[in-house]
């Protein structure tokens, strides 16, 4: 497992690298966004740990450029903890968001959880004309590819993998975003709304469960 750690603070990079290497990960380092993009496109990483506030190119810009070419999981590091920043990052396809200061052990645990979630099983799930091909990381309806964002894809995969099971918003936040929001579930509702729209006639199979959350029922 190979991980890229991007932060302009040498001490943070060294601490994170030490804990990751202790758990058997191979680690590369970058000190700014430009280096991150260069390394991210040259190498195949299992995950990128990316700081936001950096010289030359910030973390958001770097993630955007890397994800145009490669579908690599990203965990954001930042001293900023505003909800807007988190939602913006999630919309870019960021998998998790850790606010400084943080526990290195917790960071490693989150890294392992993200990698586990993003391991492709190679299965193909079919519901009538709706097909989720996990090996290709594609969704199609009646043979036509549907362009979903990374989070919309993960949300749909979790729904269909739990067919007929009611899922709370907290469950969805924890298992899809990997971050526990406190008192605000709007991001789940927003993503469900856009996913339903993207799925067309199959959007009706994502049911709202009153006082609980949602479930996929086909």
Protein backbone atom coordinates (compact mmCIF):
# COMPACT_ATOMS: atom_id res chain seq x y z
CA UNK A 1 0.00 0.00 0.00
CA UNK A 2 1.46 3.34 -1.11
CA UNK A 3 0.40 6.70 0.33
CA UNK A 4 1.30 10.30 -0.58
CA UNK A 5 1.47 12.74 2.36
CA UNK A 6 1.16 16.40 1.35
CA UNK A 7 1.76 19.19 3.89
CA UNK A 8 3.97 22.26 3.98
CA UNK A 9 4.87 21.56 7.63
CA UNK A 10 7.82 19.18 7.83
CA UNK A 11 7.01 18.03 11.37
CA UNK A 12 3.48 16.96 10.42
CA UNK A 13 4.77 15.03 7.41
CA UNK A 14 7.38 13.27 9.54
CA UNK A 15 4.88 12.27 12.27
CA UNK A 16 2.27 11.02 9.80
CA UNK A 17 4.94 9.16 7.80
CA UNK A 18 6.31 7.47 10.92
CA UNK A 19 2.88 6.19 12.01
CA UNK A 20 1.97 5.01 8.51
CA UNK A 21 5.28 3.21 8.02
CA UNK A 22 4.85 1.52 11.41
CA UNK A 23 1.64 0.01 10.00
CA UNK A 24 3.43 -1.18 6.88
CA UNK A 25 2.55 1.57 4.40
CA UNK A 26 5.03 2.93 1.86
CA UNK A 27 5.05 6.75 2.03
CA UNK A 28 6.02 9.55 -0.38
CA UNK A 29 6.05 13.22 0.63
CA UNK A 30 5.23 16.55 -1.01
CA UNK A 31 5.52 20.02 0.53
CA UNK A 32 3.13 21.94 -1.73
CA UNK A 33 0.23 21.51 -4.14
CA UNK A 34 2.36 21.56 -7.29
CA UNK A 35 4.55 18.72 -6.03
CA UNK A 36 1.40 16.83 -5.02
CA UNK A 37 -0.08 17.04 -8.52
CA UNK A 38 3.22 15.99 -10.12
CA UNK A 39 3.65 12.96 -7.83
CA UNK A 40 -0.05 12.12 -7.86
CA UNK A 41 -0.10 11.83 -11.64
CA UNK A 42 3.25 10.02 -11.91
CA UNK A 43 2.48 7.32 -9.33
CA UNK A 44 -0.37 5.00 -8.39
CA UNK A 45 -1.26 5.71 -4.77
CA UNK A 46 -3.79 3.84 -2.65
CA UNK A 47 -4.56 7.12 -0.89
CA UNK A 48 -3.43 10.77 -0.72
CA UNK A 49 -3.37 12.71 2.56
CA UNK A 50 -3.68 16.36 1.51
CA UNK A 51 -3.35 19.58 3.50
CA UNK A 52 -5.51 22.51 2.32
CA UNK A 53 -3.55 25.69 3.04
CA UNK A 54 -0.26 25.33 1.14
CA UNK A 55 2.02 27.47 -1.05
CA UNK A 56 1.96 27.48 -4.88
CA UNK A 57 -1.31 25.51 -5.10
CA UNK A 58 -3.80 24.78 -2.33
CA UNK A 59 -5.10 21.32 -1.51
CA UNK A 60 -8.46 21.78 -3.20
CA UNK A 61 -6.82 22.79 -6.49
CA UNK A 62 -4.39 19.89 -6.27
CA UNK A 63 -7.17 17.37 -5.61
CA UNK A 64 -9.22 18.73 -8.51
CA UNK A 65 -6.31 18.37 -10.94
CA UNK A 66 -5.36 14.88 -9.76
CA UNK A 67 -8.94 13.57 -9.87
CA UNK A 68 -9.35 14.74 -13.46
CA UNK A 69 -6.90 11.98 -14.38
CA UNK A 70 -6.92 9.48 -11.51
CA UNK A 71 -9.66 8.16 -9.23
CA UNK A 72 -7.61 8.06 -6.04
CA UNK A 73 -9.04 8.28 -2.49
CA UNK A 74 -8.19 11.52 -0.64
CA UNK A 75 -8.15 12.44 3.05
CA UNK A 76 -7.95 16.20 3.69
CA UNK A 77 -5.97 17.74 6.55
CA UNK A 78 -6.71 21.27 7.69
CA UNK A 79 -6.75 23.68 10.60
CA UNK A 80 -10.01 24.95 9.17
CA UNK A 81 -13.13 23.29 10.54
CA UNK A 82 -15.99 25.16 8.89
CA UNK A 83 -18.81 23.00 7.57
CA UNK A 84 -18.65 24.79 4.19
CA UNK A 85 -15.04 23.68 3.75
CA UNK A 86 -15.98 20.07 4.48
CA UNK A 87 -18.93 20.07 2.10
CA UNK A 88 -16.83 21.71 -0.62
CA UNK A 89 -14.20 19.02 -0.19
CA UNK A 90 -16.76 16.22 -0.29
CA UNK A 91 -18.21 17.65 -3.51
CA UNK A 92 -14.73 17.39 -5.05
CA UNK A 93 -14.70 13.70 -4.20
CA UNK A 94 -12.74 13.88 -0.94
CA UNK A 95 -13.31 10.75 1.16
CA UNK A 96 -12.65 12.11 4.64
CA UNK A 97 -11.70 15.31 6.42
CA UNK A 98 -9.53 15.58 9.54
CA UNK A 99 -9.09 18.86 11.41
CA UNK A 100 -5.77 19.78 13.04
CA UNK A 101 -4.65 19.07 15.69
CA UNK A 102 -5.37 15.37 15.26
CA UNK A 103 -4.43 12.03 16.75
CA UNK A 104 -1.95 10.18 14.46
CA UNK A 105 -3.48 6.86 15.55
CA UNK A 106 -6.96 8.06 14.58
CA UNK A 107 -5.58 9.29 11.26
CA UNK A 108 -4.13 5.86 10.49
CA UNK A 109 -7.46 4.24 11.44
CA UNK A 110 -9.28 6.56 9.03
CA UNK A 111 -6.73 5.80 6.31
CA UNK A 112 -7.37 2.07 6.70
CA UNK A 113 -11.14 2.61 6.66
CA UNK A 114 -10.97 4.67 3.45
CA UNK A 115 -8.78 2.11 1.68
CA UNK A 116 -11.10 -0.70 2.74
CA UNK A 117 -14.15 1.18 1.45
CA UNK A 118 -12.46 1.89 -1.87
CA UNK A 119 -11.27 -1.63 -2.58
CA UNK A 120 -13.13 -2.72 -5.68
CA UNK A 121 -14.66 -6.15 -5.31
CA UNK A 122 -15.19 -6.59 -9.06
CA UNK A 123 -18.87 -7.40 -8.63
CA UNK A 124 -21.67 -6.35 -10.94
CA UNK A 125 -25.06 -5.54 -9.37
CA UNK A 126 -28.13 -5.49 -11.62
CA UNK A 127 -31.63 -4.21 -10.89
CA UNK A 128 -33.61 -4.39 -14.11
CA UNK A 129 -31.92 -1.95 -16.48
CA UNK A 130 -29.88 -0.38 -13.68
CA UNK A 131 -26.38 -1.89 -13.57
CA UNK A 132 -23.58 -1.02 -11.16
CA UNK A 133 -20.27 -2.41 -12.44
CA UNK A 134 -17.90 -2.08 -9.49
CA UNK A 135 -14.86 -3.31 -11.39
CA UNK A 136 -15.25 -0.58 -14.00
CA UNK A 137 -16.59 1.85 -11.37
CA UNK A 138 -19.50 2.62 -13.72
CA UNK A 139 -23.27 2.86 -13.54
CA UNK A 140 -25.50 2.38 -16.55
CA UNK A 141 -29.24 2.58 -17.19
CA UNK A 142 -30.62 0.57 -20.10
CA UNK A 143 -27.10 0.31 -21.51
CA UNK A 144 -26.30 4.03 -21.27
CA UNK A 145 -23.54 5.19 -18.90
CA UNK A 146 -24.68 7.59 -16.16
CA UNK A 147 -22.06 10.15 -15.10
CA UNK A 148 -22.11 10.14 -11.30
CA UNK A 149 -19.76 12.01 -8.98
CA UNK A 150 -17.55 9.79 -6.75
CA UNK A 151 -19.84 10.40 -3.77
CA UNK A 152 -23.02 9.71 -5.79
CA UNK A 153 -21.46 6.44 -6.94
CA UNK A 154 -20.48 5.44 -3.39
CA UNK A 155 -23.95 6.37 -2.13
CA UNK A 156 -25.69 4.29 -4.79
CA UNK A 157 -23.36 1.34 -4.18
CA UNK A 158 -24.12 1.45 -0.46
CA UNK A 159 -27.86 1.65 -1.13
CA UNK A 160 -27.99 -1.29 -3.55
CA UNK A 161 -25.64 -3.37 -1.37
CA UNK A 162 -28.18 -2.91 1.44
CA UNK A 163 -31.32 -3.51 -0.64
CA UNK A 164 -34.52 -3.36 1.48
CA UNK A 165 -32.59 -2.16 4.57
CA UNK A 166 -33.52 1.20 6.13
CA UNK A 167 -30.40 3.33 6.56
CA UNK A 168 -30.19 6.32 8.86
CA UNK A 169 -28.51 9.56 7.77
CA UNK A 170 -25.86 8.94 10.44
CA UNK A 171 -25.09 5.53 8.92
CA UNK A 172 -24.78 7.07 5.48
CA UNK A 173 -22.50 9.86 6.71
CA UNK A 174 -20.27 7.42 8.56
CA UNK A 175 -20.02 4.83 5.80
CA UNK A 176 -19.89 7.12 2.76
CA UNK A 177 -18.20 10.26 4.00
CA UNK A 178 -16.33 8.71 6.90
CA UNK A 179 -17.04 11.78 9.00
CA UNK A 180 -19.56 12.30 11.77
CA UNK A 181 -21.50 15.51 11.26
CA UNK A 182 -23.00 16.99 14.38
CA UNK A 183 -26.60 18.10 14.01
CA UNK A 184 -26.73 18.62 10.25
CA UNK A 185 -27.79 15.94 7.77
CA UNK A 186 -28.39 18.26 4.82
CA UNK A 187 -25.47 16.92 2.84
CA UNK A 188 -27.11 13.44 2.74
CA UNK A 189 -30.46 14.86 1.64
CA UNK A 190 -28.80 16.95 -1.07
CA UNK A 191 -26.83 14.02 -2.47
CA UNK A 192 -29.88 11.72 -2.40
CA UNK A 193 -31.87 14.34 -4.29
CA UNK A 194 -29.26 14.69 -7.04
CA UNK A 195 -28.74 10.91 -7.19
CA UNK A 196 -32.47 10.34 -7.69
CA UNK A 197 -32.44 12.86 -10.52
CA UNK A 198 -29.42 11.19 -12.14
CA UNK A 199 -31.08 7.76 -11.99
CA UNK A 200 -34.22 8.93 -13.80
CA UNK A 201 -37.00 6.33 -13.51
CA UNK A 202 -34.84 4.29 -11.12
CA UNK A 203 -34.65 7.18 -8.68
CA UNK A 204 -38.05 6.13 -7.33
CA UNK A 205 -36.47 3.03 -5.79
CA UNK A 206 -34.61 5.18 -3.26
CA UNK A 207 -37.37 5.51 -0.68
CA UNK A 208 -37.58 8.05 2.12
CA UNK A 209 -38.08 6.33 5.47
CA UNK A 210 -39.85 8.77 7.79
CA UNK A 211 -37.89 9.66 10.94
CA UNK A 212 -35.08 7.32 9.90
CA UNK A 213 -33.45 8.12 6.56
CA UNK A 214 -33.57 6.20 3.28
CA UNK A 215 -33.57 2.74 1.77
CA UNK A 216 -33.17 1.24 -1.68
CA UNK A 217 -36.08 -1.07 -2.44
CA UNK A 218 -36.23 -2.94 -5.74
